């Protein structure tokens, strides 16, 4: 005759060991995951802003008109303006049919415009910056740095001659040094 052993269960001690190991793993991984999440929010915001700038350039070229992207530093908002001037009055017609790209967008609560450099005529009342895109594909030159509370930064460079954008992890000062070093030395 065979005897069957009763199925063995998990002891309280084994359960506590497993829970302790899991708690230690979560405690180690959580700060890393949180930092990655904040960096991903920063990257997503920068990429969304780059996409809006590229769209504004396309609207300027294909619409054969000047378009503008506004950055409100105080309210931490940005938006595209596709209004067209009234041919008779020369004034802008209020936008009746705003599309999704013209809606004001807020930066994430943990992200802000760290630094912006552009021409003086593109700054409105020290709080709003207007980035112009022209029908020939060019744009007003600018560098925009967005940052988060962990100290990460991404800089968007708007190239004057082409109106194209470049995204970089370098600060505006570092980008200027890099551009200066890339310039060929004038022959004497």
N, C-alpha and C. Protein backbone atom coordinates (compact mmCIF):
# COMPACT_ATOMS: atom_id res chain seq x y z
N UNK A 1 0.80 -1.17 0.00
CA UNK A 1 0.00 0.00 0.00
C UNK A 1 0.87 1.27 0.00
N UNK A 2 0.49 2.22 -0.84
CA UNK A 2 1.24 3.47 -0.93
C UNK A 2 0.56 4.54 -0.10
N UNK A 3 1.39 5.36 0.47
CA UNK A 3 0.83 6.50 1.20
C UNK A 3 1.21 7.77 0.43
N UNK A 4 0.29 8.64 0.31
CA UNK A 4 0.54 9.92 -0.37
C UNK A 4 0.83 10.99 0.66
N UNK A 5 1.87 11.73 0.39
CA UNK A 5 2.22 12.83 1.29
C UNK A 5 1.24 13.98 1.01
N UNK A 6 0.83 14.62 2.05
CA UNK A 6 -0.07 15.77 1.90
C UNK A 6 0.68 16.91 1.20
N UNK A 7 -0.01 17.66 0.33
CA UNK A 7 0.67 18.75 -0.36
C UNK A 7 1.20 19.77 0.66
N UNK A 8 2.43 20.18 0.43
CA UNK A 8 3.07 21.09 1.36
C UNK A 8 2.72 22.52 0.98
N UNK A 9 2.34 23.37 1.90
CA UNK A 9 1.99 24.76 1.66
C UNK A 9 3.20 25.66 1.87
N UNK A 10 3.01 26.95 1.68
CA UNK A 10 4.06 27.93 1.88
C UNK A 10 4.01 28.35 3.34
N UNK A 11 5.16 28.32 3.98
CA UNK A 11 5.19 28.72 5.38
C UNK A 11 5.18 30.24 5.48
N UNK A 12 4.84 30.72 6.63
CA UNK A 12 4.79 32.16 6.89
C UNK A 12 6.17 32.77 6.71
N UNK A 13 7.19 32.05 7.16
CA UNK A 13 8.56 32.55 7.03
C UNK A 13 8.96 32.70 5.57
N UNK A 14 8.64 31.74 4.71
CA UNK A 14 8.95 31.82 3.28
C UNK A 14 8.22 32.99 2.63
N UNK A 15 6.99 33.19 2.98
CA UNK A 15 6.21 34.29 2.45
C UNK A 15 6.82 35.64 2.85
N UNK A 16 7.28 35.78 4.08
CA UNK A 16 7.89 37.02 4.56
C UNK A 16 9.21 37.29 3.84
N UNK A 17 9.99 36.24 3.58
CA UNK A 17 11.26 36.41 2.86
C UNK A 17 10.99 36.93 1.45
N UNK A 18 10.03 36.35 0.76
CA UNK A 18 9.71 36.78 -0.60
C UNK A 18 9.22 38.23 -0.61
N UNK A 19 8.35 38.59 0.32
CA UNK A 19 7.84 39.96 0.38
C UNK A 19 8.95 40.96 0.71
N UNK A 20 9.87 40.57 1.56
CA UNK A 20 11.00 41.45 1.90
C UNK A 20 11.89 41.68 0.68
N UNK A 21 12.19 40.63 -0.05
CA UNK A 21 13.01 40.76 -1.26
C UNK A 21 12.31 41.66 -2.28
N UNK A 22 11.00 41.47 -2.47
CA UNK A 22 10.25 42.32 -3.40
C UNK A 22 10.25 43.79 -2.95
N UNK A 23 10.10 44.03 -1.66
CA UNK A 23 10.10 45.39 -1.14
C UNK A 23 11.45 46.06 -1.38
N UNK A 24 12.53 45.34 -1.21
CA UNK A 24 13.87 45.89 -1.45
C UNK A 24 14.05 46.21 -2.94
N UNK A 25 13.59 45.33 -3.81
CA UNK A 25 13.71 45.56 -5.25
C UNK A 25 12.92 46.80 -5.67
N UNK A 26 11.71 46.97 -5.13
CA UNK A 26 10.89 48.13 -5.47
C UNK A 26 11.55 49.40 -4.94
N UNK A 27 12.09 49.35 -3.72
CA UNK A 27 12.74 50.52 -3.12
C UNK A 27 13.95 50.96 -3.95
N UNK A 28 14.65 50.03 -4.54
CA UNK A 28 15.81 50.36 -5.36
C UNK A 28 15.38 50.86 -6.74
N UNK A 29 14.37 50.24 -7.32
CA UNK A 29 13.96 50.56 -8.69
C UNK A 29 13.10 51.81 -8.78
N UNK A 30 12.32 52.14 -7.78
CA UNK A 30 11.37 53.25 -7.88
C UNK A 30 12.01 54.59 -8.19
N UNK A 31 13.06 55.00 -7.47
CA UNK A 31 13.66 56.30 -7.82
C UNK A 31 14.20 56.34 -9.25
N UNK A 32 14.75 55.25 -9.71
CA UNK A 32 15.27 55.18 -11.07
C UNK A 32 14.14 55.30 -12.07
N UNK A 33 13.06 54.59 -11.83
CA UNK A 33 11.91 54.64 -12.73
C UNK A 33 11.27 56.02 -12.72
N UNK A 34 11.23 56.66 -11.56
CA UNK A 34 10.64 58.00 -11.46
C UNK A 34 11.47 59.00 -12.25
N UNK A 35 12.79 58.91 -12.13
CA UNK A 35 13.66 59.79 -12.90
C UNK A 35 13.51 59.57 -14.40
N UNK A 36 13.35 58.32 -14.81
CA UNK A 36 13.15 58.02 -16.22
C UNK A 36 11.84 58.61 -16.70
N UNK A 37 10.81 58.53 -15.87
CA UNK A 37 9.50 59.08 -16.23
C UNK A 37 9.58 60.58 -16.43
N UNK A 38 10.28 61.28 -15.53
CA UNK A 38 10.42 62.73 -15.67
C UNK A 38 11.23 63.09 -16.91
N UNK A 39 12.26 62.32 -17.20
CA UNK A 39 13.05 62.56 -18.41
C UNK A 39 12.20 62.30 -19.66
N UNK A 40 11.36 61.26 -19.62
CA UNK A 40 10.49 60.96 -20.75
C UNK A 40 9.48 62.09 -20.97
N UNK A 41 8.97 62.68 -19.90
CA UNK A 41 8.04 63.82 -20.03
C UNK A 41 8.75 64.99 -20.69
N UNK A 42 9.99 65.24 -20.30
CA UNK A 42 10.77 66.32 -20.88
C UNK A 42 11.00 66.07 -22.37
N UNK A 43 11.41 64.87 -22.71
CA UNK A 43 11.63 64.51 -24.12
C UNK A 43 10.36 64.63 -24.93
N UNK A 44 9.24 64.15 -24.37
CA UNK A 44 7.96 64.22 -25.08
C UNK A 44 7.55 65.67 -25.32
N UNK A 45 7.75 66.51 -24.32
CA UNK A 45 7.41 67.94 -24.48
C UNK A 45 8.28 68.58 -25.56
N UNK A 46 9.57 68.32 -25.53
CA UNK A 46 10.48 68.89 -26.53
C UNK A 46 10.11 68.40 -27.93
N UNK A 47 9.80 67.14 -28.06
CA UNK A 47 9.44 66.59 -29.37
C UNK A 47 8.11 67.17 -29.86
N UNK A 48 7.17 67.39 -28.95
CA UNK A 48 5.89 67.99 -29.33
C UNK A 48 6.11 69.43 -29.81
N UNK A 49 6.97 70.15 -29.14
CA UNK A 49 7.29 71.52 -29.54
C UNK A 49 8.00 71.53 -30.89
N UNK A 50 8.92 70.62 -31.11
CA UNK A 50 9.62 70.50 -32.39
C UNK A 50 8.61 70.19 -33.50
N UNK A 51 7.67 69.29 -33.24
CA UNK A 51 6.66 68.93 -34.24
C UNK A 51 5.80 70.15 -34.59
N UNK A 52 5.45 70.95 -33.60
CA UNK A 52 4.65 72.15 -33.86
C UNK A 52 5.46 73.16 -34.69
N UNK A 53 6.74 73.31 -34.40
CA UNK A 53 7.59 74.22 -35.17
C UNK A 53 7.71 73.75 -36.63
N UNK A 54 7.85 72.45 -36.81
CA UNK A 54 7.94 71.91 -38.17
C UNK A 54 6.63 72.11 -38.93
N UNK A 55 5.52 71.92 -38.23
CA UNK A 55 4.22 72.13 -38.85
C UNK A 55 4.05 73.60 -39.24
N UNK A 56 4.48 74.52 -38.37
CA UNK A 56 4.38 75.95 -38.67
C UNK A 56 5.18 76.29 -39.92
N UNK A 57 6.37 75.71 -40.05
CA UNK A 57 7.20 75.95 -41.24
C UNK A 57 6.49 75.46 -42.50
N UNK A 58 5.91 74.26 -42.43
CA UNK A 58 5.18 73.73 -43.59
C UNK A 58 4.00 74.61 -43.95
N UNK A 59 3.28 75.09 -42.96
CA UNK A 59 2.15 75.99 -43.20
C UNK A 59 2.62 77.27 -43.87
N UNK A 60 3.76 77.78 -43.44
CA UNK A 60 4.30 79.01 -44.04
C UNK A 60 4.69 78.78 -45.50
N UNK A 61 5.37 77.68 -45.77
CA UNK A 61 5.84 77.41 -47.13
C UNK A 61 4.67 77.09 -48.06
N UNK A 62 3.82 76.15 -47.67
CA UNK A 62 2.73 75.75 -48.57
C UNK A 62 1.58 76.74 -48.59
N UNK A 63 1.40 77.48 -47.50
CA UNK A 63 0.36 78.50 -47.47
C UNK A 63 0.83 79.83 -48.02
N UNK A 64 2.13 79.92 -48.33
CA UNK A 64 2.76 81.13 -48.86
C UNK A 64 2.42 82.36 -48.02
N UNK A 65 2.63 82.22 -46.70
CA UNK A 65 2.37 83.32 -45.77
C UNK A 65 3.23 83.13 -44.53
N UNK A 66 3.39 84.17 -43.77
CA UNK A 66 4.14 84.09 -42.52
C UNK A 66 3.26 83.45 -41.45
N UNK A 67 3.82 82.52 -40.73
CA UNK A 67 3.12 81.92 -39.59
C UNK A 67 3.97 82.14 -38.34
N UNK A 68 3.33 82.05 -37.19
CA UNK A 68 4.05 82.27 -35.94
C UNK A 68 3.70 81.22 -34.91
N UNK A 69 4.70 80.87 -34.11
CA UNK A 69 4.50 80.05 -32.92
C UNK A 69 4.84 80.94 -31.74
N UNK A 70 3.94 80.98 -30.76
CA UNK A 70 4.14 81.82 -29.58
C UNK A 70 4.50 80.96 -28.38
N UNK A 71 5.43 81.47 -27.57
CA UNK A 71 5.83 80.82 -26.33
C UNK A 71 5.56 81.82 -25.20
N UNK A 72 4.64 81.50 -24.32
CA UNK A 72 4.34 82.37 -23.18
C UNK A 72 5.15 81.86 -21.99
N UNK A 73 6.17 82.62 -21.62
CA UNK A 73 7.10 82.18 -20.58
C UNK A 73 6.44 82.18 -19.20
N UNK A 74 5.58 83.16 -18.93
CA UNK A 74 4.96 83.27 -17.62
C UNK A 74 3.89 82.19 -17.41
N UNK A 75 3.04 82.00 -18.40
CA UNK A 75 1.95 81.02 -18.28
C UNK A 75 2.38 79.61 -18.66
N UNK A 76 3.61 79.48 -19.18
CA UNK A 76 4.15 78.19 -19.60
C UNK A 76 3.25 77.52 -20.64
N UNK A 77 2.91 78.31 -21.67
CA UNK A 77 2.07 77.83 -22.76
C UNK A 77 2.76 78.08 -24.10
N UNK A 78 2.30 77.37 -25.12
CA UNK A 78 2.77 77.62 -26.48
C UNK A 78 1.64 77.28 -27.44
N UNK A 79 1.63 77.97 -28.61
CA UNK A 79 0.59 77.75 -29.59
C UNK A 79 1.02 78.28 -30.95
N UNK A 80 0.31 77.84 -31.97
CA UNK A 80 0.55 78.23 -33.35
C UNK A 80 -0.53 79.22 -33.75
N UNK A 81 -0.16 80.26 -34.50
CA UNK A 81 -1.12 81.24 -34.98
C UNK A 81 -1.14 81.18 -36.51
N UNK A 82 -2.28 80.78 -37.07
CA UNK A 82 -2.41 80.67 -38.52
C UNK A 82 -3.36 81.72 -39.10
N UNK A 83 -3.61 82.79 -38.34
CA UNK A 83 -4.50 83.84 -38.85
C UNK A 83 -3.92 84.46 -40.11
N UNK A 84 -4.79 84.92 -40.97
CA UNK A 84 -4.34 85.60 -42.18
C UNK A 84 -4.83 87.04 -42.15
N UNK A 85 -4.04 87.96 -42.69
CA UNK A 85 -4.48 89.36 -42.69
C UNK A 85 -5.61 89.58 -43.69
N UNK A 86 -6.55 90.44 -43.32
CA UNK A 86 -7.64 90.84 -44.21
C UNK A 86 -7.01 91.67 -45.33
N UNK A 87 -7.21 91.29 -46.59
CA UNK A 87 -6.54 91.99 -47.69
C UNK A 87 -6.92 93.48 -47.79
N UNK A 88 -8.13 93.82 -47.39
CA UNK A 88 -8.58 95.21 -47.50
C UNK A 88 -8.07 96.07 -46.35
N UNK A 89 -8.18 95.57 -45.13
CA UNK A 89 -7.83 96.36 -43.95
C UNK A 89 -6.38 96.15 -43.52
N UNK A 90 -5.80 95.01 -43.89
CA UNK A 90 -4.44 94.71 -43.47
C UNK A 90 -4.38 94.21 -42.03
N UNK A 91 -5.53 94.08 -41.38
CA UNK A 91 -5.58 93.59 -39.99
C UNK A 91 -5.84 92.08 -40.00
N UNK A 92 -5.47 91.46 -38.92
CA UNK A 92 -5.69 90.03 -38.83
C UNK A 92 -7.16 89.72 -38.55
N UNK A 93 -7.64 88.71 -39.24
CA UNK A 93 -9.01 88.24 -39.04
C UNK A 93 -8.99 87.30 -37.85
N UNK A 94 -9.87 87.53 -36.85
CA UNK A 94 -9.90 86.59 -35.72
C UNK A 94 -10.16 85.17 -36.20
N UNK A 95 -9.45 84.23 -35.63
CA UNK A 95 -9.59 82.83 -36.04
C UNK A 95 -10.94 82.27 -35.68
N UNK A 96 -11.74 81.92 -36.68
CA UNK A 96 -13.05 81.33 -36.44
C UNK A 96 -12.95 79.81 -36.43
N UNK A 97 -12.11 79.28 -37.27
CA UNK A 97 -12.00 77.84 -37.42
C UNK A 97 -10.64 77.35 -36.96
N UNK A 98 -10.35 77.54 -35.70
CA UNK A 98 -9.05 77.11 -35.19
C UNK A 98 -8.95 75.59 -35.26
N UNK A 99 -7.84 75.11 -35.77
CA UNK A 99 -7.64 73.67 -35.80
C UNK A 99 -6.91 73.23 -34.53
N UNK A 100 -6.67 71.96 -34.41
CA UNK A 100 -6.06 71.42 -33.19
C UNK A 100 -4.66 71.97 -32.94
N UNK A 101 -3.96 72.39 -33.99
CA UNK A 101 -2.61 72.89 -33.81
C UNK A 101 -2.58 74.30 -33.25
N UNK A 102 -3.69 75.03 -33.39
CA UNK A 102 -3.74 76.41 -32.93
C UNK A 102 -4.18 76.52 -31.47
N UNK A 103 -4.58 75.44 -30.86
CA UNK A 103 -5.00 75.47 -29.47
C UNK A 103 -3.80 75.72 -28.57
N UNK A 104 -4.00 76.50 -27.51
CA UNK A 104 -2.91 76.73 -26.57
C UNK A 104 -2.61 75.43 -25.83
N UNK A 105 -1.34 75.15 -25.68
CA UNK A 105 -0.90 73.94 -24.98
C UNK A 105 -0.10 74.35 -23.76
N UNK A 106 -0.35 73.68 -22.67
CA UNK A 106 0.37 73.95 -21.42
C UNK A 106 1.52 72.98 -21.28
N UNK A 107 2.62 73.49 -20.75
CA UNK A 107 3.72 72.60 -20.40
C UNK A 107 3.32 71.78 -19.19
N UNK A 108 3.89 70.61 -19.05
CA UNK A 108 3.69 69.78 -17.87
C UNK A 108 4.08 70.59 -16.64
N UNK A 109 3.44 70.35 -15.51
CA UNK A 109 3.70 71.13 -14.29
C UNK A 109 5.15 71.06 -13.83
N UNK A 110 5.88 70.04 -14.22
CA UNK A 110 7.27 69.88 -13.81
C UNK A 110 8.27 70.35 -14.87
N UNK A 111 7.76 71.00 -15.93
CA UNK A 111 8.62 71.43 -17.05
C UNK A 111 8.38 72.92 -17.31
N UNK A 112 9.46 73.62 -17.67
CA UNK A 112 9.34 75.05 -17.95
C UNK A 112 10.35 75.45 -19.02
N UNK A 113 10.15 76.66 -19.56
CA UNK A 113 11.11 77.24 -20.49
C UNK A 113 12.26 77.78 -19.66
N UNK A 114 13.42 77.16 -19.75
CA UNK A 114 14.58 77.56 -18.95
C UNK A 114 15.24 78.81 -19.53
N UNK A 115 15.46 78.80 -20.84
CA UNK A 115 16.14 79.92 -21.48
C UNK A 115 15.71 79.98 -22.94
N UNK A 116 15.54 81.21 -23.43
CA UNK A 116 15.20 81.41 -24.84
C UNK A 116 16.06 82.56 -25.37
N UNK A 117 16.69 82.33 -26.51
CA UNK A 117 17.41 83.41 -27.17
C UNK A 117 16.84 83.58 -28.56
N UNK A 118 16.59 84.81 -28.93
CA UNK A 118 16.08 85.15 -30.25
C UNK A 118 16.33 86.64 -30.47
N UNK A 119 15.89 87.15 -31.59
CA UNK A 119 16.03 88.58 -31.86
C UNK A 119 15.10 89.37 -30.94
N UNK A 120 15.50 90.60 -30.62
CA UNK A 120 14.70 91.45 -29.72
C UNK A 120 13.30 91.70 -30.26
N UNK A 121 13.16 91.84 -31.58
CA UNK A 121 11.84 92.12 -32.14
C UNK A 121 10.87 90.95 -32.02
N UNK A 122 11.36 89.77 -31.64
CA UNK A 122 10.50 88.61 -31.46
C UNK A 122 9.99 88.47 -30.02
N UNK A 123 10.42 89.37 -29.15
CA UNK A 123 10.00 89.32 -27.75
C UNK A 123 8.91 90.36 -27.53
N UNK A 124 7.79 89.90 -26.98
CA UNK A 124 6.63 90.77 -26.75
C UNK A 124 6.45 90.94 -25.25
N UNK A 125 6.61 92.14 -24.76
CA UNK A 125 6.42 92.48 -23.34
C UNK A 125 7.21 91.57 -22.39
N UNK A 126 8.37 91.14 -22.77
CA UNK A 126 9.28 90.33 -21.94
C UNK A 126 8.68 89.02 -21.45
N UNK A 127 7.50 88.64 -21.92
CA UNK A 127 6.87 87.42 -21.42
C UNK A 127 6.48 86.45 -22.52
N UNK A 128 6.32 86.96 -23.74
CA UNK A 128 5.89 86.12 -24.86
C UNK A 128 6.92 86.26 -25.98
N UNK A 129 7.29 85.13 -26.55
CA UNK A 129 8.23 85.11 -27.66
C UNK A 129 7.49 84.61 -28.89
N UNK A 130 7.62 85.33 -30.00
CA UNK A 130 7.00 84.94 -31.26
C UNK A 130 8.08 84.44 -32.20
N UNK A 131 7.95 83.21 -32.63
CA UNK A 131 8.89 82.63 -33.59
C UNK A 131 8.25 82.67 -34.97
N UNK A 132 8.86 83.40 -35.90
CA UNK A 132 8.29 83.61 -37.22
C UNK A 132 8.82 82.59 -38.22
N UNK A 133 7.91 82.11 -39.08
CA UNK A 133 8.27 81.24 -40.19
C UNK A 133 7.80 81.92 -41.47
N UNK A 134 8.68 81.98 -42.48
CA UNK A 134 8.42 82.74 -43.69
C UNK A 134 8.15 81.81 -44.87
N UNK A 135 7.47 82.33 -45.91
CA UNK A 135 7.13 81.50 -47.07
C UNK A 135 8.32 80.89 -47.80
N UNK A 136 9.50 81.49 -47.67
CA UNK A 136 10.68 80.93 -48.35
C UNK A 136 11.32 79.78 -47.56
N UNK A 137 10.73 79.42 -46.42
CA UNK A 137 11.24 78.32 -45.61
C UNK A 137 12.15 78.75 -44.49
N UNK A 138 12.54 80.01 -44.47
CA UNK A 138 13.41 80.49 -43.39
C UNK A 138 12.58 80.82 -42.15
N UNK A 139 13.27 81.16 -41.08
CA UNK A 139 12.59 81.46 -39.82
C UNK A 139 13.41 82.45 -39.01
N UNK A 140 12.78 83.02 -38.01
CA UNK A 140 13.55 83.86 -37.09
C UNK A 140 14.43 82.94 -36.26
N UNK A 141 15.71 83.26 -36.12
CA UNK A 141 16.60 82.36 -35.39
C UNK A 141 16.25 82.34 -33.91
N UNK A 142 16.33 81.17 -33.31
CA UNK A 142 16.02 81.06 -31.88
C UNK A 142 16.62 79.78 -31.32
N UNK A 143 16.82 79.81 -30.01
CA UNK A 143 17.19 78.61 -29.24
C UNK A 143 16.29 78.61 -28.02
N UNK A 144 15.64 77.48 -27.79
CA UNK A 144 14.71 77.35 -26.67
C UNK A 144 15.14 76.15 -25.83
N UNK A 145 15.37 76.39 -24.55
CA UNK A 145 15.73 75.31 -23.64
C UNK A 145 14.56 75.03 -22.71
N UNK A 146 14.13 73.77 -22.68
CA UNK A 146 13.11 73.34 -21.72
C UNK A 146 13.82 72.49 -20.67
N UNK A 147 13.37 72.62 -19.42
CA UNK A 147 14.04 71.92 -18.32
C UNK A 147 12.99 71.33 -17.39
N UNK A 148 13.46 70.39 -16.56
CA UNK A 148 12.57 69.83 -15.54
C UNK A 148 13.21 70.00 -14.16
N UNK A 149 12.49 69.61 -13.13
CA UNK A 149 12.97 69.87 -11.76
C UNK A 149 14.15 68.99 -11.37
N UNK A 150 14.45 67.97 -12.13
CA UNK A 150 15.61 67.12 -11.84
C UNK A 150 16.89 67.68 -12.47
N UNK A 151 16.77 68.82 -13.17
CA UNK A 151 17.94 69.45 -13.77
C UNK A 151 18.24 69.02 -15.19
N UNK A 152 17.42 68.16 -15.76
CA UNK A 152 17.62 67.77 -17.16
C UNK A 152 17.15 68.89 -18.07
N UNK A 153 17.84 69.06 -19.20
CA UNK A 153 17.49 70.11 -20.15
C UNK A 153 17.60 69.57 -21.57
N UNK A 154 16.76 70.11 -22.44
CA UNK A 154 16.88 69.86 -23.88
C UNK A 154 16.74 71.20 -24.58
N UNK A 155 17.57 71.42 -25.58
CA UNK A 155 17.56 72.68 -26.31
C UNK A 155 17.11 72.43 -27.75
N UNK A 156 16.18 73.28 -28.18
CA UNK A 156 15.68 73.24 -29.55
C UNK A 156 16.28 74.44 -30.28
N UNK A 157 16.98 74.17 -31.36
CA UNK A 157 17.57 75.25 -32.15
C UNK A 157 16.77 75.41 -33.43
N UNK A 158 16.33 76.63 -33.68
CA UNK A 158 15.61 76.97 -34.90
C UNK A 158 16.60 77.70 -35.81
N UNK A 159 16.95 77.04 -36.91
CA UNK A 159 17.98 77.57 -37.83
C UNK A 159 17.36 78.62 -38.75
N UNK A 160 17.96 79.79 -38.79
CA UNK A 160 17.42 80.93 -39.54
C UNK A 160 17.27 80.64 -41.03
N UNK A 161 18.32 80.17 -41.68
CA UNK A 161 18.32 80.06 -43.13
C UNK A 161 17.38 78.98 -43.67
N UNK A 162 17.19 77.91 -42.91
CA UNK A 162 16.36 76.80 -43.40
C UNK A 162 15.04 76.66 -42.67
N UNK A 163 14.91 77.26 -41.47
CA UNK A 163 13.70 77.09 -40.68
C UNK A 163 13.58 75.71 -40.07
N UNK A 164 14.63 74.93 -40.17
CA UNK A 164 14.60 73.58 -39.61
C UNK A 164 14.96 73.61 -38.14
N UNK A 165 14.59 72.55 -37.42
CA UNK A 165 14.86 72.48 -35.98
C UNK A 165 15.84 71.36 -35.69
N UNK A 166 16.62 71.58 -34.64
CA UNK A 166 17.55 70.57 -34.16
C UNK A 166 17.37 70.45 -32.66
N UNK A 167 17.29 69.24 -32.16
CA UNK A 167 17.12 68.98 -30.73
C UNK A 167 18.44 68.50 -30.16
N UNK A 168 18.85 69.08 -29.03
CA UNK A 168 20.15 68.77 -28.45
C UNK A 168 20.05 68.70 -26.93
N UNK A 169 20.93 67.91 -26.32
CA UNK A 169 21.02 67.83 -24.86
C UNK A 169 21.91 68.94 -24.30
N UNK A 170 22.56 69.68 -25.17
CA UNK A 170 23.49 70.72 -24.75
C UNK A 170 22.74 72.01 -24.41
N UNK A 171 23.35 72.82 -23.56
CA UNK A 171 22.76 74.11 -23.20
C UNK A 171 22.98 75.09 -24.35
N UNK A 172 22.35 76.24 -24.27
CA UNK A 172 22.51 77.27 -25.30
C UNK A 172 23.96 77.73 -25.36
N UNK A 173 24.59 77.93 -24.20
CA UNK A 173 25.99 78.36 -24.18
C UNK A 173 26.89 77.32 -24.85
N UNK A 174 26.66 76.04 -24.55
CA UNK A 174 27.46 74.98 -25.16
C UNK A 174 27.25 74.92 -26.67
N UNK A 175 26.00 75.11 -27.12
CA UNK A 175 25.73 75.11 -28.55
C UNK A 175 26.42 76.28 -29.26
N UNK A 176 26.43 77.45 -28.62
CA UNK A 176 27.10 78.61 -29.21
C UNK A 176 28.60 78.35 -29.34
N UNK A 177 29.20 77.77 -28.31
CA UNK A 177 30.63 77.44 -28.38
C UNK A 177 30.89 76.44 -29.50
N UNK A 178 30.03 75.46 -29.61
CA UNK A 178 30.18 74.43 -30.64
C UNK A 178 30.07 75.05 -32.03
N UNK A 179 29.09 75.94 -32.22
CA UNK A 179 28.91 76.60 -33.53
C UNK A 179 30.11 77.49 -33.85
N UNK A 180 30.63 78.18 -32.83
CA UNK A 180 31.80 79.04 -33.05
C UNK A 180 33.01 78.21 -33.46
N UNK A 181 33.16 77.03 -32.83
CA UNK A 181 34.30 76.17 -33.15
C UNK A 181 34.17 75.56 -34.55
N UNK A 182 32.91 75.40 -35.03
CA UNK A 182 32.68 74.82 -36.35
C UNK A 182 32.94 75.82 -37.47
N UNK A 183 32.92 77.13 -37.16
CA UNK A 183 33.14 78.16 -38.16
C UNK A 183 34.58 78.09 -38.65
N UNK A 184 34.77 78.11 -39.96
CA UNK A 184 36.15 78.09 -40.45
C UNK A 184 36.85 79.40 -40.10
N UNK A 185 38.10 79.28 -39.77
CA UNK A 185 38.90 80.45 -39.44
C UNK A 185 39.19 81.21 -40.71
N UNK A 186 38.96 82.52 -40.70
CA UNK A 186 39.17 83.35 -41.88
C UNK A 186 40.64 83.36 -42.27
N UNK A 187 40.89 83.22 -43.55
CA UNK A 187 42.27 83.23 -44.04
C UNK A 187 42.83 84.64 -43.91
N UNK A 188 44.07 84.72 -43.50
CA UNK A 188 44.68 86.04 -43.31
C UNK A 188 45.60 86.39 -44.43
